[in-house]
Amino acid sequence: MYQPSRVSIPPTVGVRTEKWKYVDFYKHDYEQLYDLENDPQEARNLANDPAYASIVNELSQKVDEYIAYYEAARSEEVAERNTFINVRRD
């Protein structure tokens, strides 16, 4: 994929369900949560709204589980390269 050098896309992880889209820009301490049923244009980020904290936590945990599953499945050879380690938390 061509990407001009001036464009910087921060590392992200996320999960999407029929209703929710959750994205964590983990190196920038920024999250997004969108209600895809009521806001299909993703105009209102709900991640910092206390009313949606439990949904953010639930989807964040799903991302952690996904990362753990796929990190465990990496071959030893790939793991030794240390070029792609998807870790959000220190």
C-alpha atoms as a PDB file:
ATOM      1  CA  MET A   1       0.000   0.000   0.000  1.00  0.00           C
ATOM      2  CA  TYR A   2       1.321   3.434  -0.910  1.00  0.00           C
ATOM      3  CA  GLN A   3       1.500   5.894   1.929  1.00  0.00           C
ATOM      4  CA  PRO A   4       3.254   9.259   1.562  1.00  0.00           C
ATOM      5  CA  SER A   5       5.962   9.770   4.165  1.00  0.00           C
ATOM      6  CA  ARG A   6       4.218  12.857   5.532  1.00  0.00           C
ATOM      7  CA  VAL A   7       1.174  10.816   6.541  1.00  0.00           C
ATOM      8  CA  SER A   8       1.322   9.327   9.997  1.00  0.00           C
ATOM      9  CA  ILE A   9      -1.314   6.837  11.046  1.00  0.00           C
ATOM     10  CA  PRO A  10      -1.038   6.067  14.756  1.00  0.00           C
ATOM     11  CA  PRO A  11      -1.151   2.449  15.930  1.00  0.00           C
ATOM     12  CA  THR A  12      -4.670   1.305  16.699  1.00  0.00           C
ATOM     13  CA  VAL A  13      -6.574  -1.732  17.844  1.00  0.00           C
ATOM     14  CA  GLY A  14     -10.306  -2.156  17.887  1.00  0.00           C
ATOM     15  CA  VAL A  15     -13.383  -4.274  17.629  1.00  0.00           C
ATOM     16  CA  ARG A  16     -16.702  -3.904  15.840  1.00  0.00           C
ATOM     17  CA  THR A  17     -20.045  -5.487  16.596  1.00  0.00           C
ATOM     18  CA  GLU A  18     -23.382  -4.912  14.894  1.00  0.00           C
ATOM     19  CA  LYS A  19     -24.077  -2.073  17.315  1.00  0.00           C
ATOM     20  CA  TRP A  20     -20.673  -0.770  18.428  1.00  0.00           C
ATOM     21  CA  LYS A  21     -17.354   0.290  16.959  1.00  0.00           C
ATOM     22  CA  TYR A  22     -14.513   0.672  19.464  1.00  0.00           C
ATOM     23  CA  VAL A  23     -11.034   1.923  18.523  1.00  0.00           C
ATOM     24  CA  ASP A  24      -8.064   2.479  20.829  1.00  0.00           C
ATOM     25  CA  PHE A  25      -5.240   4.733  19.610  1.00  0.00           C
ATOM     26  CA  TYR A  26      -3.161   3.238  22.391  1.00  0.00           C
ATOM     27  CA  LYS A  27       0.055   5.206  21.915  1.00  0.00           C
ATOM     28  CA  HIS A  28      -1.911   8.457  21.993  1.00  0.00           C
ATOM     29  CA  ASP A  29      -4.182   7.690  24.961  1.00  0.00           C
ATOM     30  CA  TYR A  30      -7.290   8.235  22.847  1.00  0.00           C
ATOM     31  CA  GLU A  31     -10.323   6.000  22.383  1.00  0.00           C
ATOM     32  CA  GLN A  32     -13.372   6.100  20.145  1.00  0.00           C
ATOM     33  CA  LEU A  33     -16.752   4.461  20.665  1.00  0.00           C
ATOM     34  CA  TYR A  34     -19.576   4.788  18.167  1.00  0.00           C
ATOM     35  CA  ASP A  35     -23.137   3.517  18.302  1.00  0.00           C
ATOM     36  CA  LEU A  36     -23.472   2.269  14.731  1.00  0.00           C
ATOM     37  CA  GLU A  37     -27.239   1.764  14.970  1.00  0.00           C
ATOM     38  CA  ASN A  38     -28.027   5.311  16.098  1.00  0.00           C
ATOM     39  CA  ASP A  39     -24.991   7.089  14.635  1.00  0.00           C
ATOM     40  CA  PRO A  40     -23.976   5.282  11.418  1.00  0.00           C
ATOM     41  CA  GLN A  41     -21.949   8.298  10.281  1.00  0.00           C
ATOM     42  CA  GLU A  42     -19.804   8.047  13.443  1.00  0.00           C
ATOM     43  CA  ALA A  43     -20.345  11.698  14.260  1.00  0.00           C
ATOM     44  CA  ARG A  44     -20.482  11.390  18.063  1.00  0.00           C
ATOM     45  CA  ASN A  45     -17.636   9.758  19.957  1.00  0.00           C
ATOM     46  CA  LEU A  46     -19.102   8.216  23.126  1.00  0.00           C
ATOM     47  CA  ALA A  47     -15.847   6.907  24.617  1.00  0.00           C
ATOM     48  CA  ASN A  48     -15.540   9.620  27.262  1.00  0.00           C
ATOM     49  CA  ASP A  49     -19.218   9.688  28.180  1.00  0.00           C
ATOM     50  CA  PRO A  50     -19.571   8.082  31.639  1.00  0.00           C
ATOM     51  CA  ALA A  51     -22.876   6.518  30.566  1.00  0.00           C
ATOM     52  CA  TYR A  52     -20.933   4.276  28.156  1.00  0.00           C
ATOM     53  CA  ALA A  53     -17.980   3.387  30.416  1.00  0.00           C
ATOM     54  CA  SER A  54     -19.115  -0.221  30.857  1.00  0.00           C
ATOM     55  CA  ILE A  55     -19.342  -0.701  27.085  1.00  0.00           C
ATOM     56  CA  VAL A  56     -15.873   0.801  26.581  1.00  0.00           C
ATOM     57  CA  ASN A  57     -14.516  -1.556  29.256  1.00  0.00           C
ATOM     58  CA  GLU A  58     -16.264  -4.594  27.761  1.00  0.00           C
ATOM     59  CA  LEU A  59     -15.032  -3.912  24.232  1.00  0.00           C
ATOM     60  CA  SER A  60     -11.541  -3.036  25.468  1.00  0.00           C
ATOM     61  CA  GLN A  61     -11.420  -6.394  27.233  1.00  0.00           C
ATOM     62  CA  LYS A  62     -12.477  -8.128  23.991  1.00  0.00           C
ATOM     63  CA  VAL A  63      -9.569  -6.413  22.233  1.00  0.00           C
ATOM     64  CA  ASP A  64      -7.176  -7.610  24.949  1.00  0.00           C
ATOM     65  CA  GLU A  65      -8.489 -11.172  24.570  1.00  0.00           C
ATOM     66  CA  TYR A  66      -8.092 -10.996  20.789  1.00  0.00           C
ATOM     67  CA  ILE A  67      -4.524  -9.710  21.110  1.00  0.00           C
ATOM     68  CA  ALA A  68      -3.629 -12.397  23.667  1.00  0.00           C
ATOM     69  CA  TYR A  69      -5.047 -15.134  21.449  1.00  0.00           C
ATOM     70  CA  TYR A  70      -3.169 -14.053  18.335  1.00  0.00           C
ATOM     71  CA  GLU A  71       0.054 -13.180  20.138  1.00  0.00           C
ATOM     72  CA  ALA A  72       0.058 -16.686  21.627  1.00  0.00           C
ATOM     73  CA  ALA A  73      -0.480 -18.192  18.185  1.00  0.00           C
ATOM     74  CA  ARG A  74       2.549 -16.473  16.636  1.00  0.00           C
ATOM     75  CA  SER A  75       5.368 -18.792  15.733  1.00  0.00           C
ATOM     76  CA  GLU A  76       8.569 -18.615  17.759  1.00  0.00           C
ATOM     77  CA  GLU A  77      10.398 -17.351  14.691  1.00  0.00           C
ATOM     78  CA  VAL A  78       8.011 -14.441  14.270  1.00  0.00           C
ATOM     79  CA  ALA A  79       7.994 -13.706  18.000  1.00  0.00           C
ATOM     80  CA  GLU A  80      11.803 -13.503  18.018  1.00  0.00           C
ATOM     81  CA  ARG A  81      11.769 -10.803  15.343  1.00  0.00           C
ATOM     82  CA  ASN A  82      10.279  -8.292  17.771  1.00  0.00           C
ATOM     83  CA  THR A  83       9.036  -6.252  14.824  1.00  0.00           C
ATOM     84  CA  PHE A  84       5.346  -6.483  15.582  1.00  0.00           C
ATOM     85  CA  ILE A  85       4.291  -6.812  19.162  1.00  0.00           C
ATOM     86  CA  ASN A  86       0.782  -5.561  19.696  1.00  0.00           C
ATOM     87  CA  VAL A  87       0.783  -4.368  23.287  1.00  0.00           C
ATOM     88  CA  ARG A  88      -1.456  -1.589  24.522  1.00  0.00           C
ATOM     89  CA  ARG A  89      -0.554  -1.566  28.164  1.00  0.00           C
ATOM     90  CA  ASP A  90       2.853  -1.297  29.835  1.00  0.00           C
END
